């Protein structure tokens, strides 16, 4: 009498633990897919960051700034004795 009940309870516990394992594996798989997606997005942002750094260095080159100042703004370099240096 006690034995069939005990087997029924143990069977239910076994079934519940098997379902828990299946759910855990499924959830872990979903998390793994999300991690891969985030890593691809991170790679994309790193490439974009590198391109922006390169563009920034090109735009900030001294000779480029000087050419724009001279050609477009019609500025000229002052004489050496007219330059005033200010210490921070």
C-alpha atoms as a PDB file:
ATOM      1  CA  UNK A   1       0.000   0.000   0.000  1.00  0.00           C
ATOM      2  CA  UNK A   2       2.748   2.450   0.951  1.00  0.00           C
ATOM      3  CA  UNK A   3       5.037   1.242  -1.808  1.00  0.00           C
ATOM      4  CA  UNK A   4       2.805   2.234  -4.778  1.00  0.00           C
ATOM      5  CA  UNK A   5       2.257   5.695  -3.280  1.00  0.00           C
ATOM      6  CA  UNK A   6       5.975   6.126  -2.706  1.00  0.00           C
ATOM      7  CA  UNK A   7       6.693   5.047  -6.288  1.00  0.00           C
ATOM      8  CA  UNK A   8       4.064   7.506  -7.545  1.00  0.00           C
ATOM      9  CA  UNK A   9       5.604  10.368  -5.551  1.00  0.00           C
ATOM     10  CA  UNK A  10       9.117   9.450  -6.676  1.00  0.00           C
ATOM     11  CA  UNK A  11       7.929   9.220 -10.282  1.00  0.00           C
ATOM     12  CA  UNK A  12       6.336  12.670 -10.030  1.00  0.00           C
ATOM     13  CA  UNK A  13       9.520  14.117  -8.502  1.00  0.00           C
ATOM     14  CA  UNK A  14      11.586  12.487 -11.245  1.00  0.00           C
ATOM     15  CA  UNK A  15       9.283  13.884 -13.942  1.00  0.00           C
ATOM     16  CA  UNK A  16       9.388  17.344 -12.369  1.00  0.00           C
ATOM     17  CA  UNK A  17      13.192  17.304 -12.158  1.00  0.00           C
ATOM     18  CA  UNK A  18      13.450  16.150 -15.803  1.00  0.00           C
ATOM     19  CA  UNK A  19      11.195  19.015 -16.894  1.00  0.00           C
ATOM     20  CA  UNK A  20      13.324  21.424 -14.848  1.00  0.00           C
ATOM     21  CA  UNK A  21      16.490  20.200 -16.588  1.00  0.00           C
ATOM     22  CA  UNK A  22      14.855  20.614 -20.005  1.00  0.00           C
ATOM     23  CA  UNK A  23      13.712  24.141 -19.154  1.00  0.00           C
ATOM     24  CA  UNK A  24      17.170  25.054 -17.804  1.00  0.00           C
ATOM     25  CA  UNK A  25      18.883  23.849 -20.972  1.00  0.00           C
ATOM     26  CA  UNK A  26      16.384  25.739 -23.135  1.00  0.00           C
ATOM     27  CA  UNK A  27      16.866  28.931 -21.107  1.00  0.00           C
ATOM     28  CA  UNK A  28      20.673  28.555 -21.248  1.00  0.00           C
ATOM     29  CA  UNK A  29      20.423  28.190 -25.031  1.00  0.00           C
ATOM     30  CA  UNK A  30      18.364  31.400 -25.272  1.00  0.00           C
ATOM     31  CA  UNK A  31      20.937  33.243 -23.160  1.00  0.00           C
ATOM     32  CA  UNK A  32      23.759  31.900 -25.350  1.00  0.00           C
ATOM     33  CA  UNK A  33      21.992  33.164 -28.497  1.00  0.00           C
ATOM     34  CA  UNK A  34      21.547  36.604 -26.898  1.00  0.00           C
ATOM     35  CA  UNK A  35      25.238  36.710 -25.912  1.00  0.00           C
ATOM     36  CA  UNK A  36      26.263  35.925 -29.494  1.00  0.00           C
ATOM     37  CA  UNK A  37      23.965  38.651 -30.793  1.00  0.00           C
ATOM     38  CA  UNK A  38      25.450  41.175 -28.344  1.00  0.00           C
ATOM     39  CA  UNK A  39      28.999  40.148 -29.298  1.00  0.00           C
ATOM     40  CA  UNK A  40      28.241  40.718 -32.997  1.00  0.00           C
ATOM     41  CA  UNK A  41      26.809  44.125 -32.133  1.00  0.00           C
ATOM     42  CA  UNK A  42      29.907  44.919 -30.053  1.00  0.00           C
ATOM     43  CA  UNK A  43      32.155  43.953 -32.982  1.00  0.00           C
ATOM     44  CA  UNK A  44      30.153  46.263 -35.238  1.00  0.00           C
ATOM     45  CA  UNK A  45      30.530  49.149 -32.771  1.00  0.00           C
ATOM     46  CA  UNK A  46      34.262  48.515 -32.406  1.00  0.00           C
ATOM     47  CA  UNK A  47      34.709  48.709 -36.192  1.00  0.00           C
ATOM     48  CA  UNK A  48      32.637  51.897 -36.292  1.00  0.00           C
ATOM     49  CA  UNK A  49      34.700  53.354 -33.402  1.00  0.00           C
ATOM     50  CA  UNK A  50      37.939  52.608 -35.264  1.00  0.00           C
ATOM     51  CA  UNK A  51      36.613  54.281 -38.400  1.00  0.00           C
ATOM     52  CA  UNK A  52      35.593  57.348 -36.405  1.00  0.00           C
ATOM     53  CA  UNK A  53      38.997  57.543 -34.733  1.00  0.00           C
ATOM     54  CA  UNK A  54      40.672  57.400 -38.135  1.00  0.00           C
ATOM     55  CA  UNK A  55      38.349  60.090 -39.477  1.00  0.00           C
ATOM     56  CA  UNK A  56      38.993  62.258 -36.425  1.00  0.00           C
ATOM     57  CA  UNK A  57      42.760  61.982 -36.832  1.00  0.00           C
ATOM     58  CA  UNK A  58      42.455  62.891 -40.517  1.00  0.00           C
ATOM     59  CA  UNK A  59      40.247  65.892 -39.766  1.00  0.00           C
ATOM     60  CA  UNK A  60      42.516  67.138 -36.998  1.00  0.00           C
ATOM     61  CA  UNK A  61      45.768  67.061 -38.970  1.00  0.00           C
ATOM     62  CA  UNK A  62      47.616  70.347 -38.595  1.00  0.00           C
ATOM     63  CA  UNK A  63      48.287  70.873 -42.299  1.00  0.00           C
ATOM     64  CA  UNK A  64      44.625  70.284 -43.167  1.00  0.00           C
ATOM     65  CA  UNK A  65      43.474  72.851 -40.624  1.00  0.00           C
ATOM     66  CA  UNK A  66      46.076  75.307 -41.872  1.00  0.00           C
ATOM     67  CA  UNK A  67      44.995  74.798 -45.504  1.00  0.00           C
ATOM     68  CA  UNK A  68      41.343  75.394 -44.663  1.00  0.00           C
ATOM     69  CA  UNK A  69      42.220  78.495 -42.640  1.00  0.00           C
ATOM     70  CA  UNK A  70      44.331  79.881 -45.470  1.00  0.00           C
ATOM     71  CA  UNK A  71      42.139  78.943 -48.442  1.00  0.00           C
ATOM     72  CA  UNK A  72      38.590  79.239 -47.172  1.00  0.00           C
ATOM     73  CA  UNK A  73      38.906  81.769 -44.368  1.00  0.00           C
ATOM     74  CA  UNK A  74      41.705  83.810 -45.986  1.00  0.00           C
ATOM     75  CA  UNK A  75      43.728  83.779 -42.768  1.00  0.00           C
ATOM     76  CA  UNK A  76      47.485  84.252 -42.742  1.00  0.00           C
ATOM     77  CA  UNK A  77      50.137  83.216 -40.281  1.00  0.00           C
ATOM     78  CA  UNK A  78      51.171  86.196 -38.121  1.00  0.00           C
ATOM     79  CA  UNK A  79      54.792  87.261 -37.916  1.00  0.00           C
ATOM     80  CA  UNK A  80      56.827  85.538 -35.248  1.00  0.00           C
ATOM     81  CA  UNK A  81      57.209  88.737 -33.190  1.00  0.00           C
ATOM     82  CA  UNK A  82      53.416  89.290 -33.228  1.00  0.00           C
ATOM     83  CA  UNK A  83      52.674  85.902 -31.630  1.00  0.00           C
ATOM     84  CA  UNK A  84      51.911  86.049 -27.888  1.00  0.00           C
ATOM     85  CA  UNK A  85      52.316  82.889 -25.859  1.00  0.00           C
ATOM     86  CA  UNK A  86      50.170  82.466 -22.740  1.00  0.00           C
ATOM     87  CA  UNK A  87      51.220  79.981 -20.068  1.00  0.00           C
ATOM     88  CA  UNK A  88      48.379  78.016 -18.481  1.00  0.00           C
END
